[in-house]
């Protein structure tokens, strides 16, 4: 559903901004409404302190595009909620989106996929993964502010390991929503509850159930053997990063690589960059198939080759057992620069 409709939501959000984005002057604070409609009258009736409104915040055209993409993700998630109610469809997905507009590339990520630019051998990260570990403090803050979401089954605090009943009254390392370091606290009865965020790396989970904290859908996801919903802790809003293509002259070997976690679980950014150099150098710059060949090489490299004990990488480690989807987008071409 996301692959069929998310780009349509993005287009709808951007459609209203076409004239504004083409006007070099700052975006208007308010768009005109129908004469006589609510909100069209002057603000002389407003009362209250005005000192903080003495100047208007600067809003850039770039931030309008970012906001449009963020809204599109929310509308996509709301559509999924409606479809779920009408057709009893469950499930969810991550989403990684690239929008090219007026010389800039906007990369929006909600989930654990990743995008990087490989430019003249240099790696430029264009996203970050959203997992229980990277979003621990956001999750803990929500659990702290709304303890009813924890259902009396979970604690928002994090401990190095599960606490045993015999350790009540002892002092153990912990951290809460405000902390990046660790401190000691006296163990109390409620600390025996299961931690909201547990595990490390690929085994990290929210409420012992899901390993990704942003994405679309999952409106009906519940804690295992419980009726406790997980959706309140999952955000559909992406992080949007912007890359200005006009700031650099790109050659045909400069590419934007998008990949699901199946690629990045077994392949580092530098290994991807090495594959970019190896594959593209084997093709003429004007051969359009070079980018498809690169995407194929990245997928096959992450999958590995079949051996007696499963699919293996050249270092004999297991190949990726997860979905491996890769897009390669060229940023420059022969005879012309982006």
C-alpha atoms as a PDB file:
ATOM      1  CA  UNK A   1       0.000   0.000   0.000  1.00  0.00           C
ATOM      2  CA  UNK A   2       2.822   2.391   0.846  1.00  0.00           C
ATOM      3  CA  UNK A   3       4.544   1.738  -2.476  1.00  0.00           C
ATOM      4  CA  UNK A   4       1.287   2.436  -4.307  1.00  0.00           C
ATOM      5  CA  UNK A   5       0.058   5.498  -2.446  1.00  0.00           C
ATOM      6  CA  UNK A   6       2.800   7.245  -0.441  1.00  0.00           C
ATOM      7  CA  UNK A   7       4.185   9.091  -3.476  1.00  0.00           C
ATOM      8  CA  UNK A   8       0.657  10.278  -4.267  1.00  0.00           C
ATOM      9  CA  UNK A   9       0.302  11.778  -0.802  1.00  0.00           C
ATOM     10  CA  UNK A  10       3.664  13.522  -1.255  1.00  0.00           C
ATOM     11  CA  UNK A  11       2.555  14.903  -4.620  1.00  0.00           C
ATOM     12  CA  UNK A  12      -0.704  16.195  -3.139  1.00  0.00           C
ATOM     13  CA  UNK A  13       1.142  17.963  -0.333  1.00  0.00           C
ATOM     14  CA  UNK A  14       3.626  19.565  -2.718  1.00  0.00           C
ATOM     15  CA  UNK A  15       0.978  20.608  -5.252  1.00  0.00           C
ATOM     16  CA  UNK A  16      -0.164  23.548  -3.127  1.00  0.00           C
ATOM     17  CA  UNK A  17       3.411  24.803  -2.799  1.00  0.00           C
ATOM     18  CA  UNK A  18       4.336  25.068  -6.489  1.00  0.00           C
ATOM     19  CA  UNK A  19       3.865  28.840  -6.837  1.00  0.00           C
ATOM     20  CA  UNK A  20       5.334  29.563  -3.394  1.00  0.00           C
ATOM     21  CA  UNK A  21       8.482  27.547  -4.095  1.00  0.00           C
ATOM     22  CA  UNK A  22       9.031  29.339  -7.406  1.00  0.00           C
ATOM     23  CA  UNK A  23       8.795  32.756  -5.751  1.00  0.00           C
ATOM     24  CA  UNK A  24      12.199  33.816  -4.331  1.00  0.00           C
ATOM     25  CA  UNK A  25      10.557  35.912  -1.593  1.00  0.00           C
ATOM     26  CA  UNK A  26       9.943  34.319   1.836  1.00  0.00           C
ATOM     27  CA  UNK A  27       6.878  32.056   2.062  1.00  0.00           C
ATOM     28  CA  UNK A  28       3.687  33.818   3.161  1.00  0.00           C
ATOM     29  CA  UNK A  29       2.783  33.371   6.796  1.00  0.00           C
ATOM     30  CA  UNK A  30      -0.888  32.727   5.931  1.00  0.00           C
ATOM     31  CA  UNK A  31      -2.555  31.724   2.705  1.00  0.00           C
ATOM     32  CA  UNK A  32      -5.571  33.833   1.702  1.00  0.00           C
ATOM     33  CA  UNK A  33      -8.952  32.486   2.727  1.00  0.00           C
ATOM     34  CA  UNK A  34     -12.392  33.165   1.294  1.00  0.00           C
ATOM     35  CA  UNK A  35     -13.526  36.706   2.171  1.00  0.00           C
ATOM     36  CA  UNK A  36     -15.768  36.639   5.205  1.00  0.00           C
ATOM     37  CA  UNK A  37     -14.701  33.132   6.188  1.00  0.00           C
ATOM     38  CA  UNK A  38     -13.438  32.427   9.734  1.00  0.00           C
ATOM     39  CA  UNK A  39      -9.894  33.641  10.103  1.00  0.00           C
ATOM     40  CA  UNK A  40     -10.116  36.253   7.341  1.00  0.00           C
ATOM     41  CA  UNK A  41     -10.805  39.180   9.653  1.00  0.00           C
ATOM     42  CA  UNK A  42      -8.090  41.246  11.273  1.00  0.00           C
ATOM     43  CA  UNK A  43      -6.471  40.262  14.553  1.00  0.00           C
ATOM     44  CA  UNK A  44      -7.283  43.446  16.448  1.00  0.00           C
ATOM     45  CA  UNK A  45      -9.551  41.472  18.777  1.00  0.00           C
ATOM     46  CA  UNK A  46      -6.644  39.373  20.006  1.00  0.00           C
ATOM     47  CA  UNK A  47      -5.346  40.250  23.454  1.00  0.00           C
ATOM     48  CA  UNK A  48      -2.379  39.123  25.495  1.00  0.00           C
ATOM     49  CA  UNK A  49       1.392  39.632  25.633  1.00  0.00           C
ATOM     50  CA  UNK A  50       2.786  40.581  22.259  1.00  0.00           C
ATOM     51  CA  UNK A  51       6.474  40.906  23.065  1.00  0.00           C
ATOM     52  CA  UNK A  52       7.307  37.393  21.906  1.00  0.00           C
ATOM     53  CA  UNK A  53       5.527  38.036  18.594  1.00  0.00           C
ATOM     54  CA  UNK A  54       7.374  41.254  17.798  1.00  0.00           C
ATOM     55  CA  UNK A  55       9.235  39.502  14.992  1.00  0.00           C
ATOM     56  CA  UNK A  56       8.257  36.752  12.574  1.00  0.00           C
ATOM     57  CA  UNK A  57      10.150  33.463  12.459  1.00  0.00           C
ATOM     58  CA  UNK A  58      12.073  32.885   9.281  1.00  0.00           C
ATOM     59  CA  UNK A  59      10.631  29.979   7.303  1.00  0.00           C
ATOM     60  CA  UNK A  60      12.589  28.679   4.305  1.00  0.00           C
ATOM     61  CA  UNK A  61      11.264  27.089   1.144  1.00  0.00           C
ATOM     62  CA  UNK A  62      13.273  24.004   2.044  1.00  0.00           C
ATOM     63  CA  UNK A  63      11.435  23.634   5.342  1.00  0.00           C
ATOM     64  CA  UNK A  64       8.108  23.800   3.489  1.00  0.00           C
ATOM     65  CA  UNK A  65       9.122  20.795   1.392  1.00  0.00           C
ATOM     66  CA  UNK A  66      10.272  18.940   4.501  1.00  0.00           C
ATOM     67  CA  UNK A  67       6.940  19.675   6.192  1.00  0.00           C
ATOM     68  CA  UNK A  68       5.014  18.518   3.120  1.00  0.00           C
ATOM     69  CA  UNK A  69       6.847  15.179   3.137  1.00  0.00           C
ATOM     70  CA  UNK A  70       6.289  14.765   6.880  1.00  0.00           C
ATOM     71  CA  UNK A  71       2.564  15.440   6.464  1.00  0.00           C
ATOM     72  CA  UNK A  72       2.388  12.963   3.579  1.00  0.00           C
ATOM     73  CA  UNK A  73       3.741  10.200   5.814  1.00  0.00           C
ATOM     74  CA  UNK A  74       1.109  11.003   8.434  1.00  0.00           C
ATOM     75  CA  UNK A  75      -1.693  10.952   5.848  1.00  0.00           C
ATOM     76  CA  UNK A  76      -0.396   7.616   4.545  1.00  0.00           C
ATOM     77  CA  UNK A  77      -0.491   6.194   8.059  1.00  0.00           C
ATOM     78  CA  UNK A  78      -4.037   7.496   8.566  1.00  0.00           C
ATOM     79  CA  UNK A  79      -5.112   5.909   5.278  1.00  0.00           C
ATOM     80  CA  UNK A  80      -3.703   2.591   6.466  1.00  0.00           C
ATOM     81  CA  UNK A  81      -5.723   2.935   9.671  1.00  0.00           C
ATOM     82  CA  UNK A  82      -8.914   3.488   7.674  1.00  0.00           C
ATOM     83  CA  UNK A  83      -8.202   0.564   5.353  1.00  0.00           C
ATOM     84  CA  UNK A  84      -7.501  -1.671   8.335  1.00  0.00           C
ATOM     85  CA  UNK A  85     -10.905  -0.916   9.833  1.00  0.00           C
ATOM     86  CA  UNK A  86     -12.710  -1.401   6.537  1.00  0.00           C
ATOM     87  CA  UNK A  87     -10.914  -4.485   5.229  1.00  0.00           C
ATOM     88  CA  UNK A  88      -9.374  -6.100   8.324  1.00  0.00           C
ATOM     89  CA  UNK A  89      -5.874  -5.633   6.888  1.00  0.00           C
ATOM     90  CA  UNK A  90      -3.009  -5.761   9.371  1.00  0.00           C
ATOM     91  CA  UNK A  91       0.727  -5.234   9.253  1.00  0.00           C
ATOM     92  CA  UNK A  92       3.147  -2.370   8.756  1.00  0.00           C
ATOM     93  CA  UNK A  93       6.317  -1.376   6.942  1.00  0.00           C
ATOM     94  CA  UNK A  94       9.297   0.926   6.976  1.00  0.00           C
ATOM     95  CA  UNK A  95       9.549   3.644   4.342  1.00  0.00           C
ATOM     96  CA  UNK A  96      12.551   5.316   2.721  1.00  0.00           C
ATOM     97  CA  UNK A  97      11.715   8.013   0.180  1.00  0.00           C
ATOM     98  CA  UNK A  98      13.733  10.283  -2.116  1.00  0.00           C
ATOM     99  CA  UNK A  99      12.251  13.449  -3.595  1.00  0.00           C
ATOM    100  CA  UNK A 100      14.134  15.557  -6.139  1.00  0.00           C
ATOM    101  CA  UNK A 101      12.881  19.137  -6.321  1.00  0.00           C
ATOM    102  CA  UNK A 102      14.420  22.386  -7.548  1.00  0.00           C
ATOM    103  CA  UNK A 103      18.005  21.154  -7.435  1.00  0.00           C
ATOM    104  CA  UNK A 104      17.767  19.486  -4.033  1.00  0.00           C
ATOM    105  CA  UNK A 105      17.380  15.870  -2.934  1.00  0.00           C
ATOM    106  CA  UNK A 106      15.161  15.204   0.075  1.00  0.00           C
ATOM    107  CA  UNK A 107      15.639  11.823   1.767  1.00  0.00           C
ATOM    108  CA  UNK A 108      12.892  10.829   4.207  1.00  0.00           C
ATOM    109  CA  UNK A 109      13.361   7.780   6.405  1.00  0.00           C
ATOM    110  CA  UNK A 110      10.937   6.146   8.830  1.00  0.00           C
ATOM    111  CA  UNK A 111      12.361   2.808   9.920  1.00  0.00           C
ATOM    112  CA  UNK A 112      15.636   0.906   9.764  1.00  0.00           C
ATOM    113  CA  UNK A 113      16.490   1.288   6.075  1.00  0.00           C
ATOM    114  CA  UNK A 114      19.444   3.483   5.126  1.00  0.00           C
ATOM    115  CA  UNK A 115      20.553   5.884   2.399  1.00  0.00           C
ATOM    116  CA  UNK A 116      24.079   7.059   1.635  1.00  0.00           C
ATOM    117  CA  UNK A 117      25.647   9.184  -1.079  1.00  0.00           C
ATOM    118  CA  UNK A 118      28.912   7.900  -2.520  1.00  0.00           C
ATOM    119  CA  UNK A 119      30.637  10.902  -4.079  1.00  0.00           C
ATOM    120  CA  UNK A 120      34.172  10.642  -5.417  1.00  0.00           C
ATOM    121  CA  UNK A 121      34.839   7.874  -2.893  1.00  0.00           C
ATOM    122  CA  UNK A 122      33.449   9.914  -0.009  1.00  0.00           C
ATOM    123  CA  UNK A 123      30.467   8.635   2.004  1.00  0.00           C
ATOM    124  CA  UNK A 124      27.719  11.069   2.989  1.00  0.00           C
ATOM    125  CA  UNK A 125      25.066   9.580   5.312  1.00  0.00           C
ATOM    126  CA  UNK A 126      21.561  10.646   4.270  1.00  0.00           C
ATOM    127  CA  UNK A 127      19.587   8.850   6.975  1.00  0.00           C
ATOM    128  CA  UNK A 128      19.799   7.095  10.305  1.00  0.00           C
ATOM    129  CA  UNK A 129      18.026   4.003  11.558  1.00  0.00           C
ATOM    130  CA  UNK A 130      15.200   4.274  14.086  1.00  0.00           C
ATOM    131  CA  UNK A 131      15.403   1.386  16.525  1.00  0.00           C
ATOM    132  CA  UNK A 132      14.616   0.862  20.222  1.00  0.00           C
ATOM    133  CA  UNK A 133      18.245   1.748  20.975  1.00  0.00           C
ATOM    134  CA  UNK A 134      18.496   4.931  18.887  1.00  0.00           C
ATOM    135  CA  UNK A 135      15.106   6.180  20.155  1.00  0.00           C
ATOM    136  CA  UNK A 136      15.351   4.936  23.724  1.00  0.00           C
ATOM    137  CA  UNK A 137      14.907   8.352  25.318  1.00  0.00           C
ATOM    138  CA  UNK A 138      11.857   9.252  23.217  1.00  0.00           C
ATOM    139  CA  UNK A 139      10.216   5.933  24.124  1.00  0.00           C
ATOM    140  CA  UNK A 140      11.080   6.263  27.800  1.00  0.00           C
ATOM    141  CA  UNK A 141       9.769   9.833  27.923  1.00  0.00           C
ATOM    142  CA  UNK A 142       6.424   8.720  26.502  1.00  0.00           C
ATOM    143  CA  UNK A 143       6.255   5.875  29.016  1.00  0.00           C
ATOM    144  CA  UNK A 144       7.061   8.312  31.821  1.00  0.00           C
ATOM    145  CA  UNK A 145       4.470  10.897  30.745  1.00  0.00           C
ATOM    146  CA  UNK A 146       1.764   8.326  29.994  1.00  0.00           C
ATOM    147  CA  UNK A 147       2.302   5.370  32.347  1.00  0.00           C
ATOM    148  CA  UNK A 148      -1.121   3.977  31.389  1.00  0.00           C
ATOM    149  CA  UNK A 149       0.434   2.953  28.055  1.00  0.00           C
ATOM    150  CA  UNK A 150       2.666   0.555  29.969  1.00  0.00           C
ATOM    151  CA  UNK A 151      -0.376  -1.251  31.379  1.00  0.00           C
ATOM    152  CA  UNK A 152       1.309  -2.092  34.659  1.00  0.00           C
ATOM    153  CA  UNK A 153       3.352  -4.690  32.737  1.00  0.00           C
ATOM    154  CA  UNK A 154       6.393  -2.596  31.798  1.00  0.00           C
ATOM    155  CA  UNK A 155       8.735  -0.067  33.383  1.00  0.00           C
ATOM    156  CA  UNK A 156      10.056   2.909  31.429  1.00  0.00           C
ATOM    157  CA  UNK A 157      13.424   2.565  33.183  1.00  0.00           C
ATOM    158  CA  UNK A 158      16.317   0.675  31.626  1.00  0.00           C
ATOM    159  CA  UNK A 159      18.586  -1.688  33.554  1.00  0.00           C
ATOM    160  CA  UNK A 160      21.668  -3.581  32.320  1.00  0.00           C
ATOM    161  CA  UNK A 161      19.739  -6.840  32.774  1.00  0.00           C
ATOM    162  CA  UNK A 162      16.449  -8.182  34.065  1.00  0.00           C
ATOM    163  CA  UNK A 163      16.123  -7.664  37.826  1.00  0.00           C
ATOM    164  CA  UNK A 164      15.552 -10.664  40.092  1.00  0.00           C
ATOM    165  CA  UNK A 165      13.080 -10.507  43.046  1.00  0.00           C
ATOM    166  CA  UNK A 166      15.888 -11.373  45.448  1.00  0.00           C
ATOM    167  CA  UNK A 167      17.611  -8.102  44.466  1.00  0.00           C
ATOM    168  CA  UNK A 168      14.862  -5.887  45.906  1.00  0.00           C
ATOM    169  CA  UNK A 169      16.390  -3.198  48.114  1.00  0.00           C
ATOM    170  CA  UNK A 170      19.794  -3.413  46.454  1.00  0.00           C
ATOM    171  CA  UNK A 171      21.251  -0.599  44.362  1.00  0.00           C
ATOM    172  CA  UNK A 172      21.566  -1.298  40.644  1.00  0.00           C
ATOM    173  CA  UNK A 173      22.640   0.633  37.580  1.00  0.00           C
ATOM    174  CA  UNK A 174      19.799   2.250  35.637  1.00  0.00           C
ATOM    175  CA  UNK A 175      18.981   5.119  33.311  1.00  0.00           C
ATOM    176  CA  UNK A 176      15.789   7.003  32.514  1.00  0.00           C
ATOM    177  CA  UNK A 177      14.484   9.260  29.740  1.00  0.00           C
ATOM    178  CA  UNK A 178      16.787  12.131  30.717  1.00  0.00           C
ATOM    179  CA  UNK A 179      20.028  10.165  30.930  1.00  0.00           C
ATOM    180  CA  UNK A 180      22.696   9.165  28.444  1.00  0.00           C
ATOM    181  CA  UNK A 181      24.917   7.775  31.196  1.00  0.00           C
ATOM    182  CA  UNK A 182      24.197   5.360  34.024  1.00  0.00           C
ATOM    183  CA  UNK A 183      23.627   5.822  37.775  1.00  0.00           C
ATOM    184  CA  UNK A 184      22.601   3.691  40.758  1.00  0.00           C
ATOM    185  CA  UNK A 185      19.140   3.481  42.283  1.00  0.00           C
ATOM    186  CA  UNK A 186      17.487   1.386  44.957  1.00  0.00           C
ATOM    187  CA  UNK A 187      15.490  -1.448  43.415  1.00  0.00           C
ATOM    188  CA  UNK A 188      11.777  -1.192  44.167  1.00  0.00           C
ATOM    189  CA  UNK A 189       8.864  -3.519  43.457  1.00  0.00           C
ATOM    190  CA  UNK A 190       7.782  -1.793  40.213  1.00  0.00           C
ATOM    191  CA  UNK A 191      11.318  -2.181  38.846  1.00  0.00           C
ATOM    192  CA  UNK A 192      10.650  -5.919  38.527  1.00  0.00           C
ATOM    193  CA  UNK A 193       8.386  -5.198  35.551  1.00  0.00           C
ATOM    194  CA  UNK A 194       9.677  -5.933  32.077  1.00  0.00           C
ATOM    195  CA  UNK A 195      11.648  -2.990  30.596  1.00  0.00           C
ATOM    196  CA  UNK A 196       9.995  -0.949  27.847  1.00  0.00           C
ATOM    197  CA  UNK A 197      13.234  -1.155  25.847  1.00  0.00           C
ATOM    198  CA  UNK A 198      15.257  -4.338  26.082  1.00  0.00           C
ATOM    199  CA  UNK A 199      18.027  -6.128  24.205  1.00  0.00           C
ATOM    200  CA  UNK A 200      20.942  -4.902  22.122  1.00  0.00           C
ATOM    201  CA  UNK A 201      21.620  -4.458  18.417  1.00  0.00           C
ATOM    202  CA  UNK A 202      19.317  -6.428  16.130  1.00  0.00           C
ATOM    203  CA  UNK A 203      17.778  -8.080  19.207  1.00  0.00           C
ATOM    204  CA  UNK A 204      16.614  -4.778  20.736  1.00  0.00           C
ATOM    205  CA  UNK A 205      12.836  -4.651  21.109  1.00  0.00           C
ATOM    206  CA  UNK A 206      10.049  -2.297  22.184  1.00  0.00           C
ATOM    207  CA  UNK A 207       7.793  -4.074  24.680  1.00  0.00           C
ATOM    208  CA  UNK A 208       9.606  -7.319  23.801  1.00  0.00           C
ATOM    209  CA  UNK A 209       7.853  -7.302  20.411  1.00  0.00           C
ATOM    210  CA  UNK A 210       9.113  -5.045  17.617  1.00  0.00           C
ATOM    211  CA  UNK A 211      12.628  -3.977  16.631  1.00  0.00           C
ATOM    212  CA  UNK A 212      11.824  -0.771  14.738  1.00  0.00           C
ATOM    213  CA  UNK A 213      10.317   2.402  16.177  1.00  0.00           C
ATOM    214  CA  UNK A 214       9.229   4.384  13.113  1.00  0.00           C
ATOM    215  CA  UNK A 215       7.209   3.249  10.146  1.00  0.00           C
ATOM    216  CA  UNK A 216       3.752   3.033   8.646  1.00  0.00           C
ATOM    217  CA  UNK A 217       0.821   0.902   9.788  1.00  0.00           C
ATOM    218  CA  UNK A 218       0.990  -1.624  12.646  1.00  0.00           C
ATOM    219  CA  UNK A 219      -2.181  -0.065  14.099  1.00  0.00           C
ATOM    220  CA  UNK A 220      -3.320  -3.396  15.510  1.00  0.00           C
ATOM    221  CA  UNK A 221       0.034  -4.599  16.830  1.00  0.00           C
ATOM    222  CA  UNK A 222      -0.198  -5.888  20.407  1.00  0.00           C
ATOM    223  CA  UNK A 223       2.314  -7.075  22.970  1.00  0.00           C
ATOM    224  CA  UNK A 224       2.726 -10.842  22.759  1.00  0.00           C
ATOM    225  CA  UNK A 225       0.107 -12.663  24.890  1.00  0.00           C
ATOM    226  CA  UNK A 226      -1.440  -9.315  25.832  1.00  0.00           C
ATOM    227  CA  UNK A 227      -3.981  -6.755  24.660  1.00  0.00           C
ATOM    228  CA  UNK A 228      -1.548  -3.884  25.241  1.00  0.00           C
ATOM    229  CA  UNK A 229      -1.171  -1.823  22.001  1.00  0.00           C
ATOM    230  CA  UNK A 230       2.301  -0.887  20.752  1.00  0.00           C
ATOM    231  CA  UNK A 231       1.253   1.701  18.162  1.00  0.00           C
ATOM    232  CA  UNK A 232       1.395   4.665  20.603  1.00  0.00           C
ATOM    233  CA  UNK A 233       5.167   4.137  20.822  1.00  0.00           C
ATOM    234  CA  UNK A 234       5.649   3.921  17.045  1.00  0.00           C
ATOM    235  CA  UNK A 235       6.037   7.131  15.052  1.00  0.00           C
ATOM    236  CA  UNK A 236       5.044   7.470  11.408  1.00  0.00           C
ATOM    237  CA  UNK A 237       7.008  10.708  10.998  1.00  0.00           C
ATOM    238  CA  UNK A 238      10.237  10.460   9.004  1.00  0.00           C
ATOM    239  CA  UNK A 239      13.510  12.231   9.503  1.00  0.00           C
ATOM    240  CA  UNK A 240      14.159  14.280   6.348  1.00  0.00           C
ATOM    241  CA  UNK A 241      17.694  15.155   5.266  1.00  0.00           C
ATOM    242  CA  UNK A 242      18.459  17.540   2.419  1.00  0.00           C
ATOM    243  CA  UNK A 243      21.307  17.449  -0.093  1.00  0.00           C
ATOM    244  CA  UNK A 244      21.847  20.372  -2.458  1.00  0.00           C
ATOM    245  CA  UNK A 245      23.001  18.970  -5.794  1.00  0.00           C
ATOM    246  CA  UNK A 246      23.994  22.449  -6.981  1.00  0.00           C
ATOM    247  CA  UNK A 247      26.794  22.741  -4.446  1.00  0.00           C
ATOM    248  CA  UNK A 248      28.972  20.143  -6.150  1.00  0.00           C
ATOM    249  CA  UNK A 249      29.745  19.048  -9.706  1.00  0.00           C
ATOM    250  CA  UNK A 250      28.784  15.373  -9.884  1.00  0.00           C
ATOM    251  CA  UNK A 251      30.309  12.812 -12.191  1.00  0.00           C
ATOM    252  CA  UNK A 252      28.607   9.639 -13.500  1.00  0.00           C
ATOM    253  CA  UNK A 253      30.105   7.586 -10.650  1.00  0.00           C
ATOM    254  CA  UNK A 254      28.433   9.652  -7.923  1.00  0.00           C
ATOM    255  CA  UNK A 255      25.348   7.795  -6.689  1.00  0.00           C
ATOM    256  CA  UNK A 256      22.709   7.725  -4.000  1.00  0.00           C
ATOM    257  CA  UNK A 257      22.271   4.193  -2.621  1.00  0.00           C
ATOM    258  CA  UNK A 258      19.068   3.198  -0.814  1.00  0.00           C
ATOM    259  CA  UNK A 259      18.867  -0.147   0.932  1.00  0.00           C
ATOM    260  CA  UNK A 260      16.715  -2.048   3.394  1.00  0.00           C
ATOM    261  CA  UNK A 261      18.253  -3.451   6.553  1.00  0.00           C
ATOM    262  CA  UNK A 262      18.938  -6.742   4.773  1.00  0.00           C
ATOM    263  CA  UNK A 263      21.787  -4.970   2.966  1.00  0.00           C
ATOM    264  CA  UNK A 264      23.198  -3.020   5.902  1.00  0.00           C
ATOM    265  CA  UNK A 265      23.035  -5.927   8.368  1.00  0.00           C
ATOM    266  CA  UNK A 266      25.965  -7.570   6.593  1.00  0.00           C
ATOM    267  CA  UNK A 267      27.496  -4.728   4.527  1.00  0.00           C
ATOM    268  CA  UNK A 268      29.185  -1.591   5.846  1.00  0.00           C
ATOM    269  CA  UNK A 269      29.014   1.828   4.205  1.00  0.00           C
ATOM    270  CA  UNK A 270      32.633   1.479   3.093  1.00  0.00           C
ATOM    271  CA  UNK A 271      32.006  -1.953   1.583  1.00  0.00           C
ATOM    272  CA  UNK A 272      29.129  -0.468  -0.400  1.00  0.00           C
ATOM    273  CA  UNK A 273      31.396   2.365  -1.563  1.00  0.00           C
ATOM    274  CA  UNK A 274      34.028  -0.171  -2.658  1.00  0.00           C
ATOM    275  CA  UNK A 275      31.387  -2.074  -4.637  1.00  0.00           C
ATOM    276  CA  UNK A 276      30.265   1.191  -6.251  1.00  0.00           C
ATOM    277  CA  UNK A 277      33.822   1.850  -7.431  1.00  0.00           C
ATOM    278  CA  UNK A 278      34.442  -1.729  -8.579  1.00  0.00           C
ATOM    279  CA  UNK A 279      31.214  -2.174 -10.551  1.00  0.00           C
ATOM    280  CA  UNK A 280      30.904   1.274 -12.130  1.00  0.00           C
ATOM    281  CA  UNK A 281      34.536   1.292 -13.266  1.00  0.00           C
ATOM    282  CA  UNK A 282      33.798  -1.815 -15.351  1.00  0.00           C
ATOM    283  CA  UNK A 283      31.228   0.069 -17.467  1.00  0.00           C
ATOM    284  CA  UNK A 284      31.377   3.017 -19.832  1.00  0.00           C
ATOM    285  CA  UNK A 285      30.012   6.218 -18.225  1.00  0.00           C
ATOM    286  CA  UNK A 286      27.187   6.444 -20.772  1.00  0.00           C
ATOM    287  CA  UNK A 287      26.034   2.828 -20.261  1.00  0.00           C
ATOM    288  CA  UNK A 288      22.724   3.159 -18.390  1.00  0.00           C
ATOM    289  CA  UNK A 289      22.803  -0.511 -17.337  1.00  0.00           C
ATOM    290  CA  UNK A 290      25.780   0.169 -15.048  1.00  0.00           C
ATOM    291  CA  UNK A 291      23.477   1.342 -12.243  1.00  0.00           C
ATOM    292  CA  UNK A 292      21.235  -1.725 -12.479  1.00  0.00           C
ATOM    293  CA  UNK A 293      24.332  -3.902 -12.411  1.00  0.00           C
ATOM    294  CA  UNK A 294      25.499  -2.080  -9.281  1.00  0.00           C
ATOM    295  CA  UNK A 295      22.171  -2.628  -7.513  1.00  0.00           C
ATOM    296  CA  UNK A 296      22.273  -6.314  -8.448  1.00  0.00           C
ATOM    297  CA  UNK A 297      25.845  -6.649  -7.196  1.00  0.00           C
ATOM    298  CA  UNK A 298      24.905  -5.132  -3.834  1.00  0.00           C
ATOM    299  CA  UNK A 299      21.915  -7.464  -3.425  1.00  0.00           C
ATOM    300  CA  UNK A 300      23.829 -10.603  -4.434  1.00  0.00           C
ATOM    301  CA  UNK A 301      26.794  -9.615  -2.277  1.00  0.00           C
ATOM    302  CA  UNK A 302      24.597  -9.307   0.804  1.00  0.00           C
ATOM    303  CA  UNK A 303      22.790 -12.576   0.089  1.00  0.00           C
ATOM    304  CA  UNK A 304      26.006 -14.578  -0.338  1.00  0.00           C
ATOM    305  CA  UNK A 305      26.412 -17.892  -2.117  1.00  0.00           C
ATOM    306  CA  UNK A 306      24.893 -21.272  -1.197  1.00  0.00           C
ATOM    307  CA  UNK A 307      27.160 -23.642   0.691  1.00  0.00           C
ATOM    308  CA  UNK A 308      26.703 -26.737   2.806  1.00  0.00           C
ATOM    309  CA  UNK A 309      25.725 -24.693   5.854  1.00  0.00           C
ATOM    310  CA  UNK A 310      23.496 -22.083   4.241  1.00  0.00           C
ATOM    311  CA  UNK A 311      24.156 -18.887   2.301  1.00  0.00           C
ATOM    312  CA  UNK A 312      27.620 -17.548   3.093  1.00  0.00           C
ATOM    313  CA  UNK A 313      29.580 -14.357   2.476  1.00  0.00           C
ATOM    314  CA  UNK A 314      33.217 -14.442   1.238  1.00  0.00           C
ATOM    315  CA  UNK A 315      34.359 -14.203   4.891  1.00  0.00           C
ATOM    316  CA  UNK A 316      32.260 -17.350   5.598  1.00  0.00           C
ATOM    317  CA  UNK A 317      29.799 -15.422   7.751  1.00  0.00           C
ATOM    318  CA  UNK A 318      26.111 -15.993   7.156  1.00  0.00           C
ATOM    319  CA  UNK A 319      24.550 -13.976   4.356  1.00  0.00           C
ATOM    320  CA  UNK A 320      21.600 -11.726   5.055  1.00  0.00           C
ATOM    321  CA  UNK A 321      18.402 -13.594   5.887  1.00  0.00           C
ATOM    322  CA  UNK A 322      16.285 -10.445   5.710  1.00  0.00           C
ATOM    323  CA  UNK A 323      14.689  -8.645   2.776  1.00  0.00           C
ATOM    324  CA  UNK A 324      17.386  -7.081   0.574  1.00  0.00           C
ATOM    325  CA  UNK A 325      16.054  -4.256  -1.597  1.00  0.00           C
ATOM    326  CA  UNK A 326      18.413  -1.749  -3.226  1.00  0.00           C
ATOM    327  CA  UNK A 327      17.947   1.375  -5.337  1.00  0.00           C
ATOM    328  CA  UNK A 328      20.869   3.132  -7.037  1.00  0.00           C
ATOM    329  CA  UNK A 329      20.203   6.689  -8.206  1.00  0.00           C
ATOM    330  CA  UNK A 330      22.885   8.435 -10.295  1.00  0.00           C
ATOM    331  CA  UNK A 331      23.553  12.024  -9.295  1.00  0.00           C
ATOM    332  CA  UNK A 332      25.433  13.053 -12.423  1.00  0.00           C
ATOM    333  CA  UNK A 333      25.837  12.039 -16.043  1.00  0.00           C
ATOM    334  CA  UNK A 334      28.242  12.337 -18.969  1.00  0.00           C
ATOM    335  CA  UNK A 335      28.319  15.834 -20.385  1.00  0.00           C
ATOM    336  CA  UNK A 336      26.004  17.303 -17.779  1.00  0.00           C
ATOM    337  CA  UNK A 337      26.153  17.954 -14.075  1.00  0.00           C
ATOM    338  CA  UNK A 338      23.345  18.089 -11.547  1.00  0.00           C
END
